[in-house]
């Protein structure tokens, strides 16, 4: 008898979850402002039409990212969800990412959100895993390209202690690579083999506590292989293209904000450092990387600005667009979404 894939349970929404990342991020920003911000720089800065244009462009880029993610949800679901439903799933996933540690993120809850939109559990788990695979493959491919195209000394600023930052990056990249290989092998080549390997590894005494979760993941990988492993080249090309657009425009948000404040001659370096910051924040235990993200941004880009005060302004605008924007949207739509989602569930049960 085939086992039904398990979907993560949804814990009741608590409003204080929103306050944690906001308080952490705001505390660090205030501390940095008190230590390094020069008010005269702010008052003397001339906010021109070009400055406003590039800030608006940054916001439009994040909306383009959301549109690409929504399109990918529809593609992977076989257009079984509407644009409105894919919008809700995307915003809820981003909201969850903002209130949970980056390593947990919103991707693990995508399957739950999809099931509440009427997608059956097996298909929802498939969409979650395939989305995760596509995201991992993007980073596995883009990171070596950036290292080849950009001098390492420009990717890792001097303050980091280039050797230490480089070694940490290599370790984190290796983890992403191994996970991507396991997902790819499980979905496209030998799902049963991946299942056996992972279950064997998690029999070790110090890993045994995570074995039930691994059993669920490996079962979902096998389900994904059955559901989507043999789709056409055109399907995978569209999915890969949407994934590339999603992440590229997300990182270009910073390039656009920079253009609002300073002339930029090294766009590739700014872009590359965004990827490094994202990979490093994946191991930060605070919700959405709050606190550390602001500090890392300020430190990683301080050598590009002549004033530390301007880089703090850029960091704040960056976090508003890429994090707090989703906190506000999520807080707005969650009550209605929960009511509608559970009403749909009751209706389906009643109809049966």
Protein backbone atom coordinates (compact mmCIF):
# COMPACT_ATOMS: atom_id res chain seq x y z
CA UNK A 1 0.00 0.00 0.00
CA UNK A 2 1.41 3.38 -1.03
CA UNK A 3 2.16 5.75 1.80
CA UNK A 4 0.77 9.27 1.50
CA UNK A 5 3.50 11.92 1.57
CA UNK A 6 3.51 13.89 4.79
CA UNK A 7 3.04 17.63 4.71
CA UNK A 8 4.46 19.83 7.50
CA UNK A 9 1.89 20.81 10.08
CA UNK A 10 0.99 24.47 10.31
CA UNK A 11 1.32 25.94 13.77
CA UNK A 12 -1.22 28.63 14.71
CA UNK A 13 -0.03 32.06 13.62
CA UNK A 14 1.23 34.23 16.46
CA UNK A 15 1.61 37.95 15.90
CA UNK A 16 4.78 38.17 18.02
CA UNK A 17 6.60 36.08 15.37
CA UNK A 18 6.56 39.22 13.22
CA UNK A 19 8.07 41.37 15.94
CA UNK A 20 11.17 39.21 16.47
CA UNK A 21 12.90 39.85 13.07
CA UNK A 22 11.78 43.49 13.11
CA UNK A 23 13.19 44.08 16.62
CA UNK A 24 16.45 42.27 15.85
CA UNK A 25 17.00 44.10 12.57
CA UNK A 26 16.00 47.48 14.00
CA UNK A 27 18.24 47.04 17.06
CA UNK A 28 21.31 46.36 14.91
CA UNK A 29 20.49 49.22 12.55
CA UNK A 30 20.03 51.66 15.47
CA UNK A 31 23.30 50.49 17.01
CA UNK A 32 25.12 50.99 13.70
CA UNK A 33 23.50 54.40 13.21
CA UNK A 34 24.49 55.55 16.72
CA UNK A 35 28.06 54.35 16.21
CA UNK A 36 28.70 55.46 12.66
CA UNK A 37 25.90 57.55 11.16
CA UNK A 38 26.63 61.18 10.35
CA UNK A 39 23.39 63.16 10.06
CA UNK A 40 25.11 65.87 8.02
CA UNK A 41 25.69 63.33 5.26
CA UNK A 42 21.97 62.56 5.13
CA UNK A 43 20.85 66.21 5.09
CA UNK A 44 23.45 67.15 2.50
CA UNK A 45 22.53 64.28 0.20
CA UNK A 46 20.57 65.44 -2.84
CA UNK A 47 17.67 63.09 -3.57
CA UNK A 48 17.37 63.61 -7.32
CA UNK A 49 14.86 62.20 -9.79
CA UNK A 50 17.46 59.55 -10.65
CA UNK A 51 17.72 58.50 -6.99
CA UNK A 52 13.96 58.07 -6.69
CA UNK A 53 13.84 56.27 -10.06
CA UNK A 54 16.40 53.65 -9.02
CA UNK A 55 14.71 53.03 -5.66
CA UNK A 56 11.42 52.47 -7.51
CA UNK A 57 13.32 50.22 -9.96
CA UNK A 58 14.57 48.14 -7.01
CA UNK A 59 10.99 47.68 -5.84
CA UNK A 60 9.87 46.73 -9.37
CA UNK A 61 12.66 44.14 -9.54
CA UNK A 62 11.40 42.44 -6.38
CA UNK A 63 7.90 42.41 -7.89
CA UNK A 64 9.37 40.82 -11.04
CA UNK A 65 10.91 38.16 -8.82
CA UNK A 66 7.52 37.46 -7.23
CA UNK A 67 5.90 37.21 -10.66
CA UNK A 68 8.52 34.66 -11.80
CA UNK A 69 7.98 32.61 -8.63
CA UNK A 70 4.21 32.68 -9.13
CA UNK A 71 4.65 31.55 -12.74
CA UNK A 72 6.92 28.72 -11.57
CA UNK A 73 4.30 27.54 -9.06
CA UNK A 74 1.72 27.44 -11.82
CA UNK A 75 4.08 25.62 -14.18
CA UNK A 76 5.05 22.96 -11.62
CA UNK A 77 1.42 22.44 -10.63
CA UNK A 78 0.36 21.96 -14.24
CA UNK A 79 -1.66 25.21 -13.99
CA UNK A 80 -3.85 23.60 -11.33
CA UNK A 81 -3.70 26.79 -9.24
CA UNK A 82 -4.78 30.25 -10.35
CA UNK A 83 -2.62 33.37 -10.38
CA UNK A 84 -4.41 34.52 -7.23
CA UNK A 85 -3.62 31.24 -5.47
CA UNK A 86 0.01 31.28 -6.61
CA UNK A 87 0.29 34.86 -5.32
CA UNK A 88 -0.97 33.76 -1.90
CA UNK A 89 1.39 30.76 -1.78
CA UNK A 90 4.36 32.92 -2.77
CA UNK A 91 3.66 35.67 -0.23
CA UNK A 92 3.04 33.15 2.54
CA UNK A 93 6.32 31.36 1.72
CA UNK A 94 8.23 34.67 1.78
CA UNK A 95 6.50 35.69 4.99
CA UNK A 96 7.46 32.38 6.61
CA UNK A 97 11.07 32.89 5.46
CA UNK A 98 11.09 36.30 7.13
CA UNK A 99 9.93 35.00 10.52
CA UNK A 100 11.98 31.78 10.65
CA UNK A 101 15.73 31.08 10.48
CA UNK A 102 17.02 31.10 6.90
CA UNK A 103 18.00 27.44 7.12
CA UNK A 104 14.35 26.59 7.82
CA UNK A 105 12.89 29.13 5.43
CA UNK A 106 9.52 29.22 3.72
CA UNK A 107 10.31 26.53 1.17
CA UNK A 108 9.53 23.75 3.65
CA UNK A 109 6.01 25.17 4.12
CA UNK A 110 5.22 25.48 0.41
CA UNK A 111 3.71 21.99 0.35
CA UNK A 112 1.33 22.87 3.19
CA UNK A 113 0.23 26.10 1.51
CA UNK A 114 -0.37 24.26 -1.77
CA UNK A 115 -2.48 21.55 -0.14
CA UNK A 116 -4.68 24.25 1.39
CA UNK A 117 -5.14 25.61 -2.15
CA UNK A 118 -6.51 22.24 -3.28
CA UNK A 119 -3.37 20.51 -4.62
CA UNK A 120 -3.17 16.91 -3.41
CA UNK A 121 -0.43 16.09 -0.92
CA UNK A 122 1.81 14.08 -3.26
CA UNK A 123 1.84 16.78 -5.93
CA UNK A 124 2.44 19.50 -3.31
CA UNK A 125 5.47 17.65 -1.94
CA UNK A 126 6.75 17.23 -5.51
CA UNK A 127 6.44 20.97 -6.23
CA UNK A 128 8.28 21.78 -2.99
CA UNK A 129 11.18 19.42 -3.75
CA UNK A 130 11.51 20.38 -7.41
CA UNK A 131 11.50 24.08 -6.47
CA UNK A 132 14.23 23.36 -3.94
CA UNK A 133 16.25 21.44 -6.54
CA UNK A 134 15.99 24.25 -9.10
CA UNK A 135 17.10 26.82 -6.51
CA UNK A 136 20.05 24.69 -5.42
CA UNK A 137 21.14 24.09 -9.02
CA UNK A 138 21.14 27.83 -9.67
CA UNK A 139 23.63 28.41 -6.85
CA UNK A 140 25.71 25.37 -7.73
CA UNK A 141 26.15 26.75 -11.25
CA UNK A 142 26.40 30.50 -10.60
CA UNK A 143 28.98 30.41 -7.78
CA UNK A 144 31.85 28.86 -9.81
CA UNK A 145 31.06 31.23 -12.70
CA UNK A 146 31.39 34.24 -10.42
CA UNK A 147 34.67 32.97 -8.97
CA UNK A 148 36.01 32.53 -12.51
CA UNK A 149 34.83 35.94 -13.76
CA UNK A 150 35.61 38.08 -10.69
CA UNK A 151 38.87 38.25 -8.72
CA UNK A 152 38.51 36.49 -5.38
CA UNK A 153 39.84 39.57 -3.54
CA UNK A 154 36.84 41.55 -4.87
CA UNK A 155 34.31 38.91 -3.80
CA UNK A 156 35.68 38.64 -0.24
CA UNK A 157 36.52 42.12 1.10
CA UNK A 158 39.73 42.52 3.16
CA UNK A 159 37.87 42.96 6.49
CA UNK A 160 36.56 39.38 6.38
CA UNK A 161 39.94 37.78 6.54
CA UNK A 162 39.75 36.44 3.01
CA UNK A 163 41.10 33.01 3.91
CA UNK A 164 38.56 32.42 6.68
CA UNK A 165 35.59 33.71 4.64
CA UNK A 166 36.78 31.71 1.66
CA UNK A 167 37.03 28.48 3.64
CA UNK A 168 33.56 28.97 5.15
CA UNK A 169 32.17 29.68 1.70
CA UNK A 170 33.76 26.49 0.30
CA UNK A 171 32.22 24.40 3.11
CA UNK A 172 28.76 25.93 2.60
CA UNK A 173 29.03 25.55 -1.16
CA UNK A 174 29.98 21.89 -0.74
CA UNK A 175 26.86 21.33 1.40
CA UNK A 176 24.66 22.94 -1.29
CA UNK A 177 26.39 20.87 -3.98
CA UNK A 178 25.90 17.57 -2.12
CA UNK A 179 22.24 18.35 -1.46
CA UNK A 180 21.69 19.32 -5.11
CA UNK A 181 23.34 16.08 -6.30
CA UNK A 182 21.19 14.00 -3.94
CA UNK A 183 18.00 15.73 -5.08
CA UNK A 184 18.92 15.42 -8.76
CA UNK A 185 19.87 11.75 -8.42
CA UNK A 186 16.73 11.03 -6.40
CA UNK A 187 14.33 12.74 -8.81
CA UNK A 188 15.90 11.83 -12.16
CA UNK A 189 18.16 8.78 -11.78
CA UNK A 190 17.96 6.45 -8.74
CA UNK A 191 15.41 7.54 -6.12
CA UNK A 192 15.54 4.22 -4.22
CA UNK A 193 19.35 4.41 -4.02
CA UNK A 194 19.22 7.92 -2.53
CA UNK A 195 16.60 6.73 -0.06
CA UNK A 196 18.80 3.82 1.08
CA UNK A 197 21.91 6.02 1.43
CA UNK A 198 20.17 8.72 3.47
CA UNK A 199 18.38 6.24 5.74
CA UNK A 200 21.68 4.42 6.31
CA UNK A 201 23.48 7.66 7.21
CA UNK A 202 20.73 8.71 9.61
CA UNK A 203 20.96 5.44 11.50
CA UNK A 204 24.13 6.86 13.09
CA UNK A 205 23.57 7.55 16.82
CA UNK A 206 24.15 11.33 16.62
CA UNK A 207 21.80 11.66 13.60
CA UNK A 208 19.08 9.26 14.70
CA UNK A 209 16.79 12.00 16.02
CA UNK A 210 16.28 13.32 12.45
CA UNK A 211 15.56 9.92 10.90
CA UNK A 212 11.72 10.33 10.84
CA UNK A 213 12.08 13.59 8.88
CA UNK A 214 14.52 11.95 6.47
CA UNK A 215 12.07 9.10 5.91
CA UNK A 216 9.43 11.65 4.92
CA UNK A 217 11.86 13.52 2.64
CA UNK A 218 13.05 10.37 0.87
CA UNK A 219 9.49 9.18 0.34
CA UNK A 220 8.64 12.57 -1.16
CA UNK A 221 11.69 12.34 -3.45
CA UNK A 222 10.42 9.02 -4.80
CA UNK A 223 6.97 10.56 -5.29
CA UNK A 224 8.55 13.50 -7.12
CA UNK A 225 10.44 11.14 -9.40
CA UNK A 226 7.18 9.42 -10.36
CA UNK A 227 5.27 12.67 -10.82
CA UNK A 228 7.67 14.91 -12.64
CA UNK A 229 10.93 13.13 -13.39
CA UNK A 230 10.07 12.49 -17.04
CA UNK A 231 8.73 15.89 -18.12
CA UNK A 232 9.75 17.37 -21.46
CA UNK A 233 12.83 19.47 -22.16
CA UNK A 234 10.60 22.52 -22.78
CA UNK A 235 9.09 22.13 -19.31
CA UNK A 236 12.48 22.03 -17.60
CA UNK A 237 13.82 24.87 -19.72
CA UNK A 238 10.93 27.11 -18.62
CA UNK A 239 11.35 26.07 -14.99
CA UNK A 240 15.13 26.71 -15.08
CA UNK A 241 14.66 30.06 -16.84
CA UNK A 242 12.08 31.23 -14.29
CA UNK A 243 14.42 30.13 -11.47
CA UNK A 244 17.33 32.08 -13.00
CA UNK A 245 15.13 35.17 -13.37
CA UNK A 246 13.87 34.80 -9.80
CA UNK A 247 17.30 34.85 -8.20
CA UNK A 248 19.01 37.20 -10.63
CA UNK A 249 16.50 40.02 -10.21
CA UNK A 250 16.47 39.48 -6.45
CA UNK A 251 20.20 40.16 -6.25
CA UNK A 252 20.00 43.00 -8.78
CA UNK A 253 17.78 44.85 -6.28
CA UNK A 254 20.97 45.88 -4.49
CA UNK A 255 22.57 47.11 -7.72
CA UNK A 256 19.54 49.32 -8.35
CA UNK A 257 19.61 50.76 -4.80
CA UNK A 258 23.34 51.48 -5.15
CA UNK A 259 22.68 53.46 -8.33
CA UNK A 260 20.33 55.68 -6.33
CA UNK A 261 23.21 56.84 -4.12
CA UNK A 262 26.57 56.41 -5.85
CA UNK A 263 28.01 55.90 -9.34
CA UNK A 264 28.54 52.15 -9.82
CA UNK A 265 31.36 50.76 -11.94
CA UNK A 266 31.57 47.24 -10.51
CA UNK A 267 28.09 45.73 -10.84
CA UNK A 268 29.43 42.16 -11.01
CA UNK A 269 31.20 42.58 -7.67
CA UNK A 270 28.04 43.95 -6.00
CA UNK A 271 26.03 41.07 -7.47
CA UNK A 272 28.59 38.45 -6.39
CA UNK A 273 28.75 39.74 -2.83
CA UNK A 274 24.96 39.48 -2.58
CA UNK A 275 25.21 35.76 -3.28
CA UNK A 276 27.96 35.39 -0.67
CA UNK A 277 25.83 37.23 1.91
CA UNK A 278 22.83 35.03 1.08
CA UNK A 279 24.83 31.83 1.48
CA UNK A 280 26.32 33.01 4.78
CA UNK A 281 22.92 34.06 6.17
CA UNK A 282 21.70 30.49 5.56
CA UNK A 283 23.54 29.48 8.75
CA UNK A 284 22.35 32.43 10.84
CA UNK A 285 19.80 31.24 13.43
CA UNK A 286 17.86 34.52 13.67
CA UNK A 287 14.50 34.91 11.84
CA UNK A 288 15.17 35.86 8.23
CA UNK A 289 18.81 36.48 9.13
CA UNK A 290 17.71 39.65 10.94
CA UNK A 291 20.45 41.57 12.67
CA UNK A 292 23.34 39.76 11.05
CA UNK A 293 22.10 40.51 7.52
CA UNK A 294 22.17 44.25 8.17
CA UNK A 295 25.61 44.06 9.75
CA UNK A 296 27.05 41.87 6.98
CA UNK A 297 25.62 44.16 4.32
CA UNK A 298 27.21 47.20 5.91
CA UNK A 299 30.60 45.49 6.30
CA UNK A 300 30.63 43.78 2.90
CA UNK A 301 29.88 46.95 0.96
CA UNK A 302 31.66 49.57 3.08
CA UNK A 303 34.68 49.64 0.75
CA UNK A 304 32.48 50.70 -2.20
CA UNK A 305 31.11 53.81 -0.44
CA UNK A 306 33.07 56.85 0.66
CA UNK A 307 30.70 57.23 3.61
CA UNK A 308 29.62 54.60 6.10
CA UNK A 309 26.41 56.58 6.65
CA UNK A 310 25.29 56.10 3.04
CA UNK A 311 25.87 52.33 3.15
CA UNK A 312 23.64 52.17 6.25
CA UNK A 313 20.85 53.93 4.36
CA UNK A 314 21.24 51.49 1.49
CA UNK A 315 21.14 48.54 3.93
CA UNK A 316 17.90 49.80 5.49
CA UNK A 317 16.22 50.30 2.09
CA UNK A 318 17.42 46.83 1.01
CA UNK A 319 15.87 45.17 4.07
CA UNK A 320 12.61 47.09 3.68
CA UNK A 321 12.23 45.89 0.09
CA UNK A 322 13.43 42.30 0.53
CA UNK A 323 12.14 41.48 4.03
CA UNK A 324 9.81 43.95 5.77
CA UNK A 325 7.70 44.30 2.62
CA UNK A 326 6.78 40.60 2.93
CA UNK A 327 6.15 40.91 6.66
CA UNK A 328 3.54 43.59 5.98
CA UNK A 329 1.96 41.70 3.07
CA UNK A 330 1.93 38.41 4.96
CA UNK A 331 0.37 39.96 8.04
CA UNK A 332 -2.31 41.47 5.80
CA UNK A 333 -3.32 38.35 3.86
CA UNK A 334 -2.82 35.57 6.43
CA UNK A 335 -6.15 35.97 8.31
CA UNK A 336 -8.25 35.93 5.11
CA UNK A 337 -6.16 33.15 3.58
CA UNK A 338 -6.58 30.92 6.64
CA UNK A 339 -10.33 31.46 6.64
CA UNK A 340 -10.62 30.69 2.92
CA UNK A 341 -8.22 27.72 3.02
CA UNK A 342 -9.96 25.95 5.88
CA UNK A 343 -13.39 26.78 4.43
CA UNK A 344 -12.32 25.03 1.20
CA UNK A 345 -11.15 22.04 3.23
CA UNK A 346 -14.50 21.76 5.06
CA UNK A 347 -16.34 22.03 1.75
CA UNK A 348 -14.28 19.20 0.21
CA UNK A 349 -14.89 17.00 3.26
CA UNK A 350 -18.62 17.77 3.18
CA UNK A 351 -18.84 16.99 -0.54
CA UNK A 352 -17.24 13.59 0.05
